[in-house]
Amino acid sequence: MTKQIISLSENAAKRIKEIMSAAEKNSLGVRIGVKSGGCAGMSYVMEYTEKTNPNDEVIEDKGVKVFIDSAAVMYLLGTEMDYKKDDFSSSFTFKNPNETERCGCGESFKV
């Protein structure tokens, strides 16, 4: 059995559904990627996508379609995406087994 690139918690799936219901009609879903930056070297990126790139990996989990940037696949393999909300903030979080280091604020990581 192959390992899924990314899985979603119930909270993450629910929040993505909420986001997509408020998105512009031409948005197909959310794309997840990584970029260089942050104090640990890499950070997660989420954005709306209006088209499927030919090399995107498309994940369907809990009724949600997520597009994974092909350049990010090797960094995200086995990751669980969650959504946390408390009195002062809310954010998507990533439990990534490939991380070897994470910055103190949780905004960036190293693999």
PDB file of N, CA and C in Angstrom:
ATOM      1  N   MET A   1       0.841  -1.184   0.000  1.00  0.00           N
ATOM      2  CA  MET A   1       0.000   0.000   0.000  1.00  0.00           C
ATOM      3  C   MET A   1       0.884   1.245   0.000  1.00  0.00           C
ATOM      4  N   THR A   2       0.577   2.209  -0.865  1.00  0.00           N
ATOM      5  CA  THR A   2       1.364   3.430  -0.898  1.00  0.00           C
ATOM      6  C   THR A   2       0.856   4.407   0.155  1.00  0.00           C
ATOM      7  N   LYS A   3       1.777   5.172   0.669  1.00  0.00           N
ATOM      8  CA  LYS A   3       1.448   6.153   1.695  1.00  0.00           C
ATOM      9  C   LYS A   3       0.797   7.369   1.037  1.00  0.00           C
ATOM     10  N   GLN A   4      -0.312   7.833   1.603  1.00  0.00           N
ATOM     11  CA  GLN A   4      -0.978   9.023   1.080  1.00  0.00           C
ATOM     12  C   GLN A   4      -0.092  10.233   1.347  1.00  0.00           C
ATOM     13  N   ILE A   5      -0.051  11.149   0.397  1.00  0.00           N
ATOM     14  CA  ILE A   5       0.800  12.329   0.543  1.00  0.00           C
ATOM     15  C   ILE A   5       0.376  13.137   1.757  1.00  0.00           C
ATOM     16  N   ILE A   6      -0.914  13.423   1.844  1.00  0.00           N
ATOM     17  CA  ILE A   6      -1.407  14.234   2.958  1.00  0.00           C
ATOM     18  C   ILE A   6      -2.807  13.760   3.318  1.00  0.00           C
ATOM     19  N   SER A   7      -3.110  13.758   4.610  1.00  0.00           N
ATOM     20  CA  SER A   7      -4.458  13.430   5.066  1.00  0.00           C
ATOM     21  C   SER A   7      -4.988  14.622   5.855  1.00  0.00           C
ATOM     22  N   LEU A   8      -6.296  14.691   5.956  1.00  0.00           N
ATOM     23  CA  LEU A   8      -6.944  15.810   6.636  1.00  0.00           C
ATOM     24  C   LEU A   8      -7.653  15.338   7.886  1.00  0.00           C
ATOM     25  N   SER A   9      -7.539  16.115   8.949  1.00  0.00           N
ATOM     26  CA  SER A   9      -8.351  15.850  10.137  1.00  0.00           C
ATOM     27  C   SER A   9      -9.781  16.294   9.823  1.00  0.00           C
ATOM     28  N   GLU A  10     -10.720  15.885  10.669  1.00  0.00           N
ATOM     29  CA  GLU A  10     -12.110  16.329  10.491  1.00  0.00           C
ATOM     30  C   GLU A  10     -12.196  17.854  10.531  1.00  0.00           C
ATOM     31  N   ASN A  11     -11.454  18.485  11.472  1.00  0.00           N
ATOM     32  CA  ASN A  11     -11.480  19.948  11.590  1.00  0.00           C
ATOM     33  C   ASN A  11     -10.941  20.629  10.338  1.00  0.00           C
ATOM     34  N   ALA A  12      -9.862  20.086   9.763  1.00  0.00           N
ATOM     35  CA  ALA A  12      -9.280  20.678   8.559  1.00  0.00           C
ATOM     36  C   ALA A  12     -10.250  20.555   7.389  1.00  0.00           C
ATOM     37  N   ALA A  13     -10.853  19.392   7.224  1.00  0.00           N
ATOM     38  CA  ALA A  13     -11.802  19.193   6.128  1.00  0.00           C
ATOM     39  C   ALA A  13     -12.993  20.141   6.271  1.00  0.00           C
ATOM     40  N   LYS A  14     -13.502  20.271   7.488  1.00  0.00           N
ATOM     41  CA  LYS A  14     -14.640  21.164   7.727  1.00  0.00           C
ATOM     42  C   LYS A  14     -14.274  22.610   7.387  1.00  0.00           C
ATOM     43  N   ARG A  15     -13.095  23.044   7.806  1.00  0.00           N
ATOM     44  CA  ARG A  15     -12.672  24.423   7.550  1.00  0.00           C
ATOM     45  C   ARG A  15     -12.442  24.676   6.052  1.00  0.00           C
ATOM     46  N   ILE A  16     -11.854  23.706   5.352  1.00  0.00           N
ATOM     47  CA  ILE A  16     -11.660  23.870   3.908  1.00  0.00           C
ATOM     48  C   ILE A  16     -13.012  23.968   3.208  1.00  0.00           C
ATOM     49  N   LYS A  17     -13.993  23.172   3.631  1.00  0.00           N
ATOM     50  CA  LYS A  17     -15.341  23.265   3.051  1.00  0.00           C
ATOM     51  C   LYS A  17     -15.921  24.656   3.280  1.00  0.00           C
ATOM     52  N   GLU A  18     -15.734  25.205   4.483  1.00  0.00           N
ATOM     53  CA  GLU A  18     -16.218  26.559   4.779  1.00  0.00           C
ATOM     54  C   GLU A  18     -15.531  27.594   3.889  1.00  0.00           C
ATOM     55  N   ILE A  19     -14.220  27.471   3.750  1.00  0.00           N
ATOM     56  CA  ILE A  19     -13.453  28.404   2.922  1.00  0.00           C
ATOM     57  C   ILE A  19     -13.923  28.332   1.472  1.00  0.00           C
ATOM     58  N   MET A  20     -14.093  27.115   0.978  1.00  0.00           N
ATOM     59  CA  MET A  20     -14.488  26.952  -0.421  1.00  0.00           C
ATOM     60  C   MET A  20     -15.909  27.443  -0.684  1.00  0.00           C
ATOM     61  N   SER A  21     -16.785  27.357   0.312  1.00  0.00           N
ATOM     62  CA  SER A  21     -18.153  27.841   0.106  1.00  0.00           C
ATOM     63  C   SER A  21     -18.178  29.365  -0.028  1.00  0.00           C
ATOM     64  N   ALA A  22     -17.159  30.032   0.515  1.00  0.00           N
ATOM     65  CA  ALA A  22     -17.074  31.494   0.425  1.00  0.00           C
ATOM     66  C   ALA A  22     -16.141  31.956  -0.694  1.00  0.00           C
ATOM     67  N   ALA A  23     -15.491  31.029  -1.362  1.00  0.00           N
ATOM     68  CA  ALA A  23     -14.509  31.375  -2.399  1.00  0.00           C
ATOM     69  C   ALA A  23     -15.215  31.803  -3.681  1.00  0.00           C
ATOM     70  N   GLU A  24     -14.451  32.448  -4.543  1.00  0.00           N
ATOM     71  CA  GLU A  24     -14.981  32.811  -5.853  1.00  0.00           C
ATOM     72  C   GLU A  24     -15.364  31.545  -6.603  1.00  0.00           C
ATOM     73  N   LYS A  25     -16.370  31.661  -7.439  1.00  0.00           N
ATOM     74  CA  LYS A  25     -16.920  30.490  -8.120  1.00  0.00           C
ATOM     75  C   LYS A  25     -15.922  29.774  -9.025  1.00  0.00           C
ATOM     76  N   ASN A  26     -14.899  30.473  -9.518  1.00  0.00           N
ATOM     77  CA  ASN A  26     -13.947  29.830 -10.421  1.00  0.00           C
ATOM     78  C   ASN A  26     -12.825  29.103  -9.676  1.00  0.00           C
ATOM     79  N   SER A  27     -12.846  29.095  -8.353  1.00  0.00           N
ATOM     80  CA  SER A  27     -11.846  28.353  -7.581  1.00  0.00           C
ATOM     81  C   SER A  27     -12.230  26.878  -7.531  1.00  0.00           C
ATOM     82  N   LEU A  28     -11.256  26.018  -7.854  1.00  0.00           N
ATOM     83  CA  LEU A  28     -11.490  24.568  -7.835  1.00  0.00           C
ATOM     84  C   LEU A  28     -11.234  23.967  -6.467  1.00  0.00           C
ATOM     85  N   GLY A  29     -10.357  24.595  -5.707  1.00  0.00           N
ATOM     86  CA  GLY A  29      -9.982  24.049  -4.413  1.00  0.00           C
ATOM     87  C   GLY A  29      -8.796  24.801  -3.852  1.00  0.00           C
ATOM     88  N   VAL A  30      -8.123  24.176  -2.908  1.00  0.00           N
ATOM     89  CA  VAL A  30      -6.918  24.774  -2.333  1.00  0.00           C
ATOM     90  C   VAL A  30      -5.707  23.975  -2.777  1.00  0.00           C
ATOM     91  N   ARG A  31      -4.615  24.696  -3.005  1.00  0.00           N
ATOM     92  CA  ARG A  31      -3.348  24.065  -3.360  1.00  0.00           C
ATOM     93  C   ARG A  31      -2.411  24.244  -2.178  1.00  0.00           C
ATOM     94  N   ILE A  32      -1.722  23.171  -1.841  1.00  0.00           N
ATOM     95  CA  ILE A  32      -0.742  23.199  -0.761  1.00  0.00           C
ATOM     96  C   ILE A  32       0.631  23.002  -1.375  1.00  0.00           C
ATOM     97  N   GLY A  33       1.564  23.811  -0.927  1.00  0.00           N
ATOM     98  CA  GLY A  33       2.937  23.692  -1.385  1.00  0.00           C
ATOM     99  C   GLY A  33       3.889  24.091  -0.276  1.00  0.00           C
ATOM    100  N   VAL A  34       5.147  24.149  -0.598  1.00  0.00           N
ATOM    101  CA  VAL A  34       6.159  24.638   0.326  1.00  0.00           C
ATOM    102  C   VAL A  34       7.018  25.652  -0.415  1.00  0.00           C
ATOM    103  N   LYS A  35       7.601  26.570   0.344  1.00  0.00           N
ATOM    104  CA  LYS A  35       8.512  27.544  -0.251  1.00  0.00           C
ATOM    105  C   LYS A  35       9.692  27.753   0.680  1.00  0.00           C
ATOM    106  N   SER A  36      10.768  28.238   0.115  1.00  0.00           N
ATOM    107  CA  SER A  36      11.934  28.567   0.932  1.00  0.00           C
ATOM    108  C   SER A  36      11.618  29.802   1.747  1.00  0.00           C
ATOM    109  N   GLY A  37      12.050  29.797   2.998  1.00  0.00           N
ATOM    110  CA  GLY A  37      11.831  30.960   3.846  1.00  0.00           C
ATOM    111  C   GLY A  37      11.604  30.558   5.288  1.00  0.00           C
ATOM    112  N   GLY A  38      11.518  31.549   6.130  1.00  0.00           N
ATOM    113  CA  GLY A  38      11.335  31.312   7.550  1.00  0.00           C
ATOM    114  C   GLY A  38      12.661  30.991   8.212  1.00  0.00           C
ATOM    115  N   CYS A  39      12.667  31.009   9.510  1.00  0.00           N
ATOM    116  CA  CYS A  39      13.922  30.813  10.232  1.00  0.00           C
ATOM    117  C   CYS A  39      14.443  29.380  10.172  1.00  0.00           C
ATOM    118  N   ALA A  40      13.593  28.401   9.841  1.00  0.00           N
ATOM    119  CA  ALA A  40      14.067  27.019   9.750  1.00  0.00           C
ATOM    120  C   ALA A  40      14.330  26.589   8.303  1.00  0.00           C
ATOM    121  N   GLY A  41      13.972  27.433   7.331  1.00  0.00           N
ATOM    122  CA  GLY A  41      14.327  27.134   5.946  1.00  0.00           C
ATOM    123  C   GLY A  41      13.183  26.936   4.976  1.00  0.00           C
ATOM    124  N   MET A  42      12.042  26.395   5.415  1.00  0.00           N
ATOM    125  CA  MET A  42      10.917  26.158   4.523  1.00  0.00           C
ATOM    126  C   MET A  42       9.619  26.486   5.249  1.00  0.00           C
ATOM    127  N   SER A  43       8.600  26.877   4.482  1.00  0.00           N
ATOM    128  CA  SER A  43       7.298  27.118   5.091  1.00  0.00           C
ATOM    129  C   SER A  43       6.196  26.581   4.186  1.00  0.00           C
ATOM    130  N   TYR A  44       5.068  26.290   4.798  1.00  0.00           N
ATOM    131  CA  TYR A  44       3.915  25.776   4.067  1.00  0.00           C
ATOM    132  C   TYR A  44       3.190  26.932   3.402  1.00  0.00           C
ATOM    133  N   VAL A  45       2.599  26.651   2.239  1.00  0.00           N
ATOM    134  CA  VAL A  45       1.847  27.655   1.492  1.00  0.00           C
ATOM    135  C   VAL A  45       0.499  27.049   1.133  1.00  0.00           C
ATOM    136  N   MET A  46      -0.564  27.816   1.374  1.00  0.00           N
ATOM    137  CA  MET A  46      -1.911  27.416   0.947  1.00  0.00           C
ATOM    138  C   MET A  46      -2.501  28.549   0.144  1.00  0.00           C
ATOM    139  N   GLU A  47      -3.136  28.213  -0.983  1.00  0.00           N
ATOM    140  CA  GLU A  47      -3.763  29.229  -1.814  1.00  0.00           C
ATOM    141  C   GLU A  47      -4.913  28.606  -2.587  1.00  0.00           C
ATOM    142  N   TYR A  48      -5.840  29.446  -3.056  1.00  0.00           N
ATOM    143  CA  TYR A  48      -6.886  28.957  -3.936  1.00  0.00           C
ATOM    144  C   TYR A  48      -6.266  28.574  -5.268  1.00  0.00           C
ATOM    145  N   THR A  49      -6.876  27.618  -5.937  1.00  0.00           N
ATOM    146  CA  THR A  49      -6.436  27.290  -7.287  1.00  0.00           C
ATOM    147  C   THR A  49      -7.632  27.366  -8.230  1.00  0.00           C
ATOM    148  N   GLU A  50      -7.390  27.962  -9.368  1.00  0.00           N
ATOM    149  CA  GLU A  50      -8.439  28.093 -10.379  1.00  0.00           C
ATOM    150  C   GLU A  50      -8.270  27.081 -11.499  1.00  0.00           C
ATOM    151  N   LYS A  51      -7.139  26.380 -11.510  1.00  0.00           N
ATOM    152  CA  LYS A  51      -6.919  25.372 -12.545  1.00  0.00           C
ATOM    153  C   LYS A  51      -6.045  24.266 -11.971  1.00  0.00           C
ATOM    154  N   THR A  52      -6.149  23.115 -12.575  1.00  0.00           N
ATOM    155  CA  THR A  52      -5.308  21.992 -12.188  1.00  0.00           C
ATOM    156  C   THR A  52      -4.049  22.035 -13.027  1.00  0.00           C
ATOM    157  N   ASN A  53      -2.916  22.076 -12.373  1.00  0.00           N
ATOM    158  CA  ASN A  53      -1.660  21.973 -13.101  1.00  0.00           C
ATOM    159  C   ASN A  53      -1.464  20.506 -13.458  1.00  0.00           C
ATOM    160  N   PRO A  54      -0.907  20.222 -14.630  1.00  0.00           N
ATOM    161  CA  PRO A  54      -0.767  18.823 -15.057  1.00  0.00           C
ATOM    162  C   PRO A  54       0.017  17.948 -14.087  1.00  0.00           C
ATOM    163  N   ASN A  55       0.945  18.514 -13.345  1.00  0.00           N
ATOM    164  CA  ASN A  55       1.773  17.724 -12.433  1.00  0.00           C
ATOM    165  C   ASN A  55       1.257  17.711 -11.000  1.00  0.00           C
ATOM    166  N   ASP A  56       0.156  18.396 -10.714  1.00  0.00           N
ATOM    167  CA  ASP A  56      -0.425  18.390  -9.372  1.00  0.00           C
ATOM    168  C   ASP A  56      -0.836  16.982  -8.973  1.00  0.00           C
ATOM    169  N   GLU A  57      -0.667  16.682  -7.708  1.00  0.00           N
ATOM    170  CA  GLU A  57      -1.265  15.484  -7.120  1.00  0.00           C
ATOM    171  C   GLU A  57      -2.588  15.943  -6.517  1.00  0.00           C
ATOM    172  N   VAL A  58      -3.655  15.228  -6.785  1.00  0.00           N
ATOM    173  CA  VAL A  58      -4.970  15.598  -6.253  1.00  0.00           C
ATOM    174  C   VAL A  58      -5.355  14.569  -5.203  1.00  0.00           C
ATOM    175  N   ILE A  59      -5.606  15.060  -4.004  1.00  0.00           N
ATOM    176  CA  ILE A  59      -5.982  14.214  -2.872  1.00  0.00           C
ATOM    177  C   ILE A  59      -7.447  14.483  -2.555  1.00  0.00           C
ATOM    178  N   GLU A  60      -8.226  13.429  -2.392  1.00  0.00           N
ATOM    179  CA  GLU A  60      -9.601  13.568  -1.933  1.00  0.00           C
ATOM    180  C   GLU A  60      -9.705  12.860  -0.591  1.00  0.00           C
ATOM    181  N   ASP A  61     -10.063  13.626   0.437  1.00  0.00           N
ATOM    182  CA  ASP A  61     -10.146  13.090   1.790  1.00  0.00           C
ATOM    183  C   ASP A  61     -11.299  13.774   2.515  1.00  0.00           C
ATOM    184  N   LYS A  62     -12.193  12.994   3.067  1.00  0.00           N
ATOM    185  CA  LYS A  62     -13.335  13.507   3.849  1.00  0.00           C
ATOM    186  C   LYS A  62     -14.179  14.495   3.050  1.00  0.00           C
ATOM    187  N   GLY A  63     -14.349  14.219   1.765  1.00  0.00           N
ATOM    188  CA  GLY A  63     -15.184  15.055   0.915  1.00  0.00           C
ATOM    189  C   GLY A  63     -14.532  16.337   0.448  1.00  0.00           C
ATOM    190  N   VAL A  64     -13.229  16.447   0.624  1.00  0.00           N
ATOM    191  CA  VAL A  64     -12.506  17.658   0.234  1.00  0.00           C
ATOM    192  C   VAL A  64     -11.444  17.290  -0.796  1.00  0.00           C
ATOM    193  N   LYS A  65     -11.314  18.142  -1.807  1.00  0.00           N
ATOM    194  CA  LYS A  65     -10.288  17.944  -2.827  1.00  0.00           C
ATOM    195  C   LYS A  65      -9.172  18.954  -2.575  1.00  0.00           C
ATOM    196  N   VAL A  66      -7.950  18.436  -2.441  1.00  0.00           N
ATOM    197  CA  VAL A  66      -6.777  19.272  -2.192  1.00  0.00           C
ATOM    198  C   VAL A  66      -5.762  19.001  -3.300  1.00  0.00           C
ATOM    199  N   PHE A  67      -5.220  20.073  -3.847  1.00  0.00           N
ATOM    200  CA  PHE A  67      -4.215  19.975  -4.900  1.00  0.00           C
ATOM    201  C   PHE A  67      -2.839  20.156  -4.256  1.00  0.00           C
ATOM    202  N   ILE A  68      -1.926  19.233  -4.531  1.00  0.00           N
ATOM    203  CA  ILE A  68      -0.588  19.293  -3.960  1.00  0.00           C
ATOM    204  C   ILE A  68       0.378  19.670  -5.069  1.00  0.00           C
ATOM    205  N   ASP A  69       1.088  20.770  -4.870  1.00  0.00           N
ATOM    206  CA  ASP A  69       2.108  21.205  -5.824  1.00  0.00           C
ATOM    207  C   ASP A  69       3.120  20.077  -5.990  1.00  0.00           C
ATOM    208  N   SER A  70       3.432  19.730  -7.233  1.00  0.00           N
ATOM    209  CA  SER A  70       4.328  18.590  -7.487  1.00  0.00           C
ATOM    210  C   SER A  70       5.695  18.771  -6.835  1.00  0.00           C
ATOM    211  N   ALA A  71       6.170  20.004  -6.712  1.00  0.00           N
ATOM    212  CA  ALA A  71       7.469  20.243  -6.088  1.00  0.00           C
ATOM    213  C   ALA A  71       7.435  20.005  -4.576  1.00  0.00           C
ATOM    214  N   ALA A  72       6.242  19.940  -3.991  1.00  0.00           N
ATOM    215  CA  ALA A  72       6.119  19.770  -2.537  1.00  0.00           C
ATOM    216  C   ALA A  72       5.886  18.334  -2.110  1.00  0.00           C
ATOM    217  N   VAL A  73       5.590  17.442  -3.053  1.00  0.00           N
ATOM    218  CA  VAL A  73       5.209  16.071  -2.705  1.00  0.00           C
ATOM    219  C   VAL A  73       6.232  15.409  -1.794  1.00  0.00           C
ATOM    220  N   MET A  74       7.515  15.490  -2.130  1.00  0.00           N
ATOM    221  CA  MET A  74       8.520  14.786  -1.324  1.00  0.00           C
ATOM    222  C   MET A  74       8.645  15.359   0.086  1.00  0.00           C
ATOM    223  N   TYR A  75       8.246  16.605   0.295  1.00  0.00           N
ATOM    224  CA  TYR A  75       8.312  17.219   1.622  1.00  0.00           C
ATOM    225  C   TYR A  75       7.065  16.928   2.458  1.00  0.00           C
ATOM    226  N   LEU A  76       5.959  16.566   1.794  1.00  0.00           N
ATOM    227  CA  LEU A  76       4.684  16.405   2.486  1.00  0.00           C
ATOM    228  C   LEU A  76       4.249  14.960   2.676  1.00  0.00           C
ATOM    229  N   LEU A  77       4.971  14.008   2.155  1.00  0.00           N
ATOM    230  CA  LEU A  77       4.571  12.609   2.213  1.00  0.00           C
ATOM    231  C   LEU A  77       4.284  12.163   3.648  1.00  0.00           C
ATOM    232  N   GLY A  78       3.055  11.707   3.891  1.00  0.00           N
ATOM    233  CA  GLY A  78       2.667  11.221   5.210  1.00  0.00           C
ATOM    234  C   GLY A  78       2.184  12.292   6.174  1.00  0.00           C
ATOM    235  N   THR A  79       2.037  13.531   5.708  1.00  0.00           N
ATOM    236  CA  THR A  79       1.648  14.649   6.570  1.00  0.00           C
ATOM    237  C   THR A  79       0.156  14.623   6.894  1.00  0.00           C
ATOM    238  N   GLU A  80      -0.186  14.991   8.131  1.00  0.00           N
ATOM    239  CA  GLU A  80      -1.586  15.204   8.500  1.00  0.00           C
ATOM    240  C   GLU A  80      -1.812  16.697   8.699  1.00  0.00           C
ATOM    241  N   MET A  81      -2.828  17.201   8.027  1.00  0.00           N
ATOM    242  CA  MET A  81      -3.196  18.613   8.138  1.00  0.00           C
ATOM    243  C   MET A  81      -4.364  18.718   9.104  1.00  0.00           C
ATOM    244  N   ASP A  82      -4.263  19.661  10.044  1.00  0.00           N
ATOM    245  CA  ASP A  82      -5.306  19.880  11.037  1.00  0.00           C
ATOM    246  C   ASP A  82      -5.666  21.357  11.037  1.00  0.00           C
ATOM    247  N   TYR A  83      -6.748  21.694  11.723  1.00  0.00           N
ATOM    248  CA  TYR A  83      -7.153  23.086  11.887  1.00  0.00           C
ATOM    249  C   TYR A  83      -7.407  23.302  13.368  1.00  0.00           C
ATOM    250  N   LYS A  84      -6.709  24.272  13.938  1.00  0.00           N
ATOM    251  CA  LYS A  84      -6.822  24.568  15.368  1.00  0.00           C
ATOM    252  C   LYS A  84      -7.388  25.976  15.543  1.00  0.00           C
ATOM    253  N   LYS A  85      -8.277  26.108  16.508  1.00  0.00           N
ATOM    254  CA  LYS A  85      -8.881  27.405  16.804  1.00  0.00           C
ATOM    255  C   LYS A  85      -8.946  27.559  18.311  1.00  0.00           C
ATOM    256  N   ASP A  86      -8.486  28.736  18.803  1.00  0.00           N
ATOM    257  CA  ASP A  86      -8.634  29.032  20.220  1.00  0.00           C
ATOM    258  C   ASP A  86      -9.147  30.460  20.357  1.00  0.00           C
ATOM    259  N   ASP A  87      -9.107  31.002  21.546  1.00  0.00           N
ATOM    260  CA  ASP A  87      -9.674  32.331  21.790  1.00  0.00           C
ATOM    261  C   ASP A  87      -8.995  33.438  20.994  1.00  0.00           C
ATOM    262  N   PHE A  88      -7.709  33.284  20.696  1.00  0.00           N
ATOM    263  CA  PHE A  88      -6.953  34.376  20.100  1.00  0.00           C
ATOM    264  C   PHE A  88      -6.497  34.139  18.666  1.00  0.00           C
ATOM    265  N   SER A  89      -6.548  32.899  18.201  1.00  0.00           N
ATOM    266  CA  SER A  89      -6.059  32.639  16.844  1.00  0.00           C
ATOM    267  C   SER A  89      -6.677  31.369  16.270  1.00  0.00           C
ATOM    268  N   SER A  90      -6.528  31.233  14.978  1.00  0.00           N
ATOM    269  CA  SER A  90      -6.917  30.000  14.299  1.00  0.00           C
ATOM    270  C   SER A  90      -5.955  29.787  13.143  1.00  0.00           C
ATOM    271  N   SER A  91      -5.617  28.535  12.877  1.00  0.00           N
ATOM    272  CA  SER A  91      -4.683  28.260  11.782  1.00  0.00           C
ATOM    273  C   SER A  91      -4.702  26.790  11.416  1.00  0.00           C
ATOM    274  N   PHE A  92      -4.268  26.526  10.193  1.00  0.00           N
ATOM    275  CA  PHE A  92      -4.019  25.158   9.776  1.00  0.00           C
ATOM    276  C   PHE A  92      -2.660  24.767  10.332  1.00  0.00           C
ATOM    277  N   THR A  93      -2.557  23.532  10.783  1.00  0.00           N
ATOM    278  CA  THR A  93      -1.287  23.021  11.290  1.00  0.00           C
ATOM    279  C   THR A  93      -0.940  21.759  10.507  1.00  0.00           C
ATOM    280  N   PHE A  94       0.335  21.444  10.476  1.00  0.00           N
ATOM    281  CA  PHE A  94       0.816  20.298   9.721  1.00  0.00           C
ATOM    282  C   PHE A  94       1.655  19.409  10.632  1.00  0.00           C
ATOM    283  N   LYS A  95       1.254  18.147  10.766  1.00  0.00           N
ATOM    284  CA  LYS A  95       2.051  17.157  11.493  1.00  0.00           C
ATOM    285  C   LYS A  95       2.800  16.372  10.420  1.00  0.00           C
ATOM    286  N   ASN A  96       4.046  16.750  10.211  1.00  0.00           N
ATOM    287  CA  ASN A  96       4.835  16.251   9.099  1.00  0.00           C
ATOM    288  C   ASN A  96       5.950  15.338   9.612  1.00  0.00           C
ATOM    289  N   PRO A  97       5.894  14.044   9.291  1.00  0.00           N
ATOM    290  CA  PRO A  97       6.924  13.117   9.778  1.00  0.00           C
ATOM    291  C   PRO A  97       8.294  13.350   9.135  1.00  0.00           C
ATOM    292  N   ASN A  98       8.349  14.168   8.093  1.00  0.00           N
ATOM    293  CA  ASN A  98       9.608  14.449   7.402  1.00  0.00           C
ATOM    294  C   ASN A  98      10.388  15.590   8.042  1.00  0.00           C
ATOM    295  N   GLU A  99       9.755  16.335   8.935  1.00  0.00           N
ATOM    296  CA  GLU A  99      10.430  17.462   9.573  1.00  0.00           C
ATOM    297  C   GLU A  99      11.555  16.971  10.473  1.00  0.00           C
ATOM    298  N   THR A 100      12.693  17.636  10.370  1.00  0.00           N
ATOM    299  CA  THR A 100      13.796  17.344  11.279  1.00  0.00           C
ATOM    300  C   THR A 100      13.977  18.481  12.275  1.00  0.00           C
ATOM    301  N   GLU A 101      13.364  19.622  11.972  1.00  0.00           N
ATOM    302  CA  GLU A 101      13.468  20.793  12.841  1.00  0.00           C
ATOM    303  C   GLU A 101      12.300  21.707  12.541  1.00  0.00           C
ATOM    304  N   ARG A 102      11.828  22.413  13.576  1.00  0.00           N
ATOM    305  CA  ARG A 102      10.740  23.384  13.411  1.00  0.00           C
ATOM    306  C   ARG A 102      11.120  24.623  14.201  1.00  0.00           C
ATOM    307  N   CYS A 103      10.817  25.792  13.631  1.00  0.00           N
ATOM    308  CA  CYS A 103      11.155  27.023  14.353  1.00  0.00           C
ATOM    309  C   CYS A 103      10.235  27.184  15.563  1.00  0.00           C
ATOM    310  N   GLY A 104      10.607  28.044  16.482  1.00  0.00           N
ATOM    311  CA  GLY A 104       9.855  28.240  17.713  1.00  0.00           C
ATOM    312  C   GLY A 104       8.442  28.729  17.511  1.00  0.00           C
ATOM    313  N   CYS A 105       8.202  29.538  16.482  1.00  0.00           N
ATOM    314  CA  CYS A 105       6.855  30.071  16.252  1.00  0.00           C
ATOM    315  C   CYS A 105       5.991  29.095  15.448  1.00  0.00           C
ATOM    316  N   GLY A 106       6.591  28.023  14.910  1.00  0.00           N
ATOM    317  CA  GLY A 106       5.830  27.029  14.179  1.00  0.00           C
ATOM    318  C   GLY A 106       5.526  27.395  12.739  1.00  0.00           C
ATOM    319  N   GLU A 107       6.093  28.481  12.254  1.00  0.00           N
ATOM    320  CA  GLU A 107       5.819  28.935  10.900  1.00  0.00           C
ATOM    321  C   GLU A 107       6.705  28.302   9.837  1.00  0.00           C
ATOM    322  N   SER A 108       7.828  27.731  10.230  1.00  0.00           N
ATOM    323  CA  SER A 108       8.711  27.146   9.230  1.00  0.00           C
ATOM    324  C   SER A 108       9.323  25.852   9.763  1.00  0.00           C
ATOM    325  N   PHE A 109       9.895  25.081   8.843  1.00  0.00           N
ATOM    326  CA  PHE A 109      10.425  23.766   9.182  1.00  0.00           C
ATOM    327  C   PHE A 109      11.611  23.420   8.304  1.00  0.00           C
ATOM    328  N   LYS A 110      12.295  22.346   8.674  1.00  0.00           N
ATOM    329  CA  LYS A 110      13.419  21.831   7.898  1.00  0.00           C
ATOM    330  C   LYS A 110      13.218  20.331   7.728  1.00  0.00           C
ATOM    331  N   VAL A 111      13.582  19.819   6.545  1.00  0.00           N
ATOM    332  CA  VAL A 111      13.502  18.362   6.321  1.00  0.00           C
ATOM    333  C   VAL A 111      14.889  17.822   6.057  1.00  0.00           C
TER     334      VAL A 111
END
